[in-house]
C-alpha atoms as a PDB file:
ATOM      1  CA  MET A   1      10.482  -7.008  28.351  1.00  0.00           C
ATOM      2  CA  ILE A   2      11.696  -6.520  25.179  1.00  0.00           C
ATOM      3  CA  TYR A   3      11.752  -8.955  22.191  1.00  0.00           C
ATOM      4  CA  ARG A   4      13.337  -8.542  18.949  1.00  0.00           C
ATOM      5  CA  GLY A   5      12.241  -9.665  15.638  1.00  0.00           C
ATOM      6  CA  GLN A   6      11.619  -9.198  12.168  1.00  0.00           C
ATOM      7  CA  ILE A   7       8.662  -9.618   9.491  1.00  0.00           C
ATOM      8  CA  LYS A   8       8.636 -12.527   7.248  1.00  0.00           C
ATOM      9  CA  ASN A   9       5.783 -13.346   4.829  1.00  0.00           C
ATOM     10  CA  GLY A  10       3.697 -10.840   6.600  1.00  0.00           C
ATOM     11  CA  HIS A  11       3.882 -12.262  10.167  1.00  0.00           C
ATOM     12  CA  ILE A  12       6.246 -11.073  13.363  1.00  0.00           C
ATOM     13  CA  VAL A  13       8.978 -13.706  13.669  1.00  0.00           C
ATOM     14  CA  LEU A  14      10.694 -13.283  16.925  1.00  0.00           C
ATOM     15  CA  ASP A  15      14.481 -13.706  16.865  1.00  0.00           C
ATOM     16  CA  ASP A  16      14.184 -15.759  20.520  1.00  0.00           C
ATOM     17  CA  ALA A  17      11.984 -18.443  21.362  1.00  0.00           C
ATOM     18  CA  ALA A  18       9.712 -16.228  23.460  1.00  0.00           C
ATOM     19  CA  VAL A  19       6.820 -18.043  24.984  1.00  0.00           C
ATOM     20  CA  LEU A  20       4.104 -15.739  25.612  1.00  0.00           C
ATOM     21  CA  PRO A  21       0.714 -16.615  27.083  1.00  0.00           C
ATOM     22  CA  GLU A  22      -2.312 -16.706  24.724  1.00  0.00           C
ATOM     23  CA  GLY A  23      -3.928 -13.546  24.378  1.00  0.00           C
ATOM     24  CA  ALA A  24      -1.275 -11.443  25.676  1.00  0.00           C
ATOM     25  CA  GLN A  25      -1.424  -7.727  24.818  1.00  0.00           C
ATOM     26  CA  VAL A  26       2.107  -6.628  22.836  1.00  0.00           C
ATOM     27  CA  GLN A  27       3.076  -3.321  21.428  1.00  0.00           C
ATOM     28  CA  VAL A  28       5.052  -3.293  18.321  1.00  0.00           C
ATOM     29  CA  GLU A  29       7.553  -0.406  17.487  1.00  0.00           C
ATOM     30  CA  VAL A  30       9.206  -0.501  14.045  1.00  0.00           C
ATOM     31  CA  VAL A  31      12.845   0.122  14.277  1.00  0.00           C
ATOM     32  CA  ALA A  32      14.395   1.741  11.124  1.00  0.00           C
ATOM     33  CA  SER A  33      16.869  -0.035   9.277  1.00  0.00           C
ATOM     34  CA  GLN A  34      18.535   0.442   5.982  1.00  0.00           C
ATOM     35  CA  SER A  35      16.861  -2.325   4.271  1.00  0.00           C
ATOM     36  CA  ALA A  36      13.290  -1.380   5.717  1.00  0.00           C
ATOM     37  CA  PRO A  37      10.852   0.033   3.116  1.00  0.00           C
ATOM     38  CA  GLU A  38       9.973   3.581   3.227  1.00  0.00           C
ATOM     39  CA  VAL A  39       7.646   4.667   5.868  1.00  0.00           C
ATOM     40  CA  ALA A  40       4.189   6.094   5.209  1.00  0.00           C
ATOM     41  CA  GLY A  41       4.454   9.621   4.851  1.00  0.00           C
ATOM     42  CA  GLU A  42       8.105   9.607   3.015  1.00  0.00           C
ATOM     43  CA  ALA A  43       7.098   7.650  -0.220  1.00  0.00           C
ATOM     44  CA  PRO A  44       5.576   9.870  -2.908  1.00  0.00           C
ATOM     45  CA  THR A  45       1.732  10.228  -3.170  1.00  0.00           C
ATOM     46  CA  LEU A  46      -0.361   8.392  -5.987  1.00  0.00           C
ATOM     47  CA  PHE A  47      -0.809  11.684  -7.189  1.00  0.00           C
ATOM     48  CA  GLU A  48       3.086  12.661  -7.249  1.00  0.00           C
ATOM     49  CA  ARG A  49       3.581   9.054  -8.832  1.00  0.00           C
ATOM     50  CA  LEU A  50       0.998   9.465 -11.560  1.00  0.00           C
ATOM     51  CA  LYS A  51       1.568  13.289 -12.127  1.00  0.00           C
ATOM     52  CA  PRO A  52       3.752  12.538 -15.631  1.00  0.00           C
ATOM     53  CA  VAL A  53       0.384  10.932 -17.112  1.00  0.00           C
ATOM     54  CA  VAL A  54      -2.075  13.111 -15.938  1.00  0.00           C
ATOM     55  CA  GLY A  55      -3.885  14.780 -18.671  1.00  0.00           C
ATOM     56  CA  ALA A  56      -1.732  12.975 -21.311  1.00  0.00           C
ATOM     57  CA  ALA A  57      -4.806  11.192 -23.046  1.00  0.00           C
ATOM     58  CA  LYS A  58      -5.868  12.857 -26.174  1.00  0.00           C
ATOM     59  CA  GLY A  59      -8.903  12.647 -28.536  1.00  0.00           C
ATOM     60  CA  LEU A  60     -11.156  10.777 -25.924  1.00  0.00           C
ATOM     61  CA  PRO A  61     -14.828  11.571 -25.898  1.00  0.00           C
ATOM     62  CA  PRO A  62     -15.793  14.302 -23.546  1.00  0.00           C
ATOM     63  CA  ASP A  63     -17.849  11.921 -21.592  1.00  0.00           C
ATOM     64  CA  ALA A  64     -15.244   9.183 -21.311  1.00  0.00           C
ATOM     65  CA  SER A  65     -14.840   9.403 -17.350  1.00  0.00           C
ATOM     66  CA  GLU A  66     -18.675   9.262 -16.756  1.00  0.00           C
ATOM     67  CA  ASN A  67     -19.143   6.610 -19.184  1.00  0.00           C
ATOM     68  CA  VAL A  68     -15.697   4.433 -19.229  1.00  0.00           C
ATOM     69  CA  ASP A  69     -17.611   1.074 -19.013  1.00  0.00           C
ATOM     70  CA  HIS A  70     -19.372   1.889 -22.330  1.00  0.00           C
ATOM     71  CA  TYR A  71     -16.360   2.791 -24.366  1.00  0.00           C
ATOM     72  CA  LEU A  72     -14.434  -0.387 -22.887  1.00  0.00           C
ATOM     73  CA  TYR A  73     -16.988  -2.885 -22.487  1.00  0.00           C
ATOM     74  CA  GLY A  74     -20.206  -1.929 -24.407  1.00  0.00           C
ATOM     75  CA  HIS A  75     -22.435  -1.148 -21.568  1.00  0.00           C
ATOM     76  CA  PRO A  76     -25.145   1.137 -21.748  1.00  0.00           C
ATOM     77  CA  LYS A  77     -24.259   4.863 -21.193  1.00  0.00           C
ATOM     78  CA  GLN A  78     -25.078   6.287 -17.847  1.00  0.00           C
END
């Protein structure tokens, strides 16, 4: 049997008032629609989104990546 619904506040809400027994196993299939957010794999990767700023910082100490907490918060160097 197929029940249709949608995601609201992170929960599946069925369109029809279906009564399912507690512990029933279900299978969820995402149906693409124009208003659906991008499916994983179609969205740009984190690197692709940050590519314009990679390497843009200038004048940093050579050990900035290793001692970021020292330079930001004054913690001892590593």
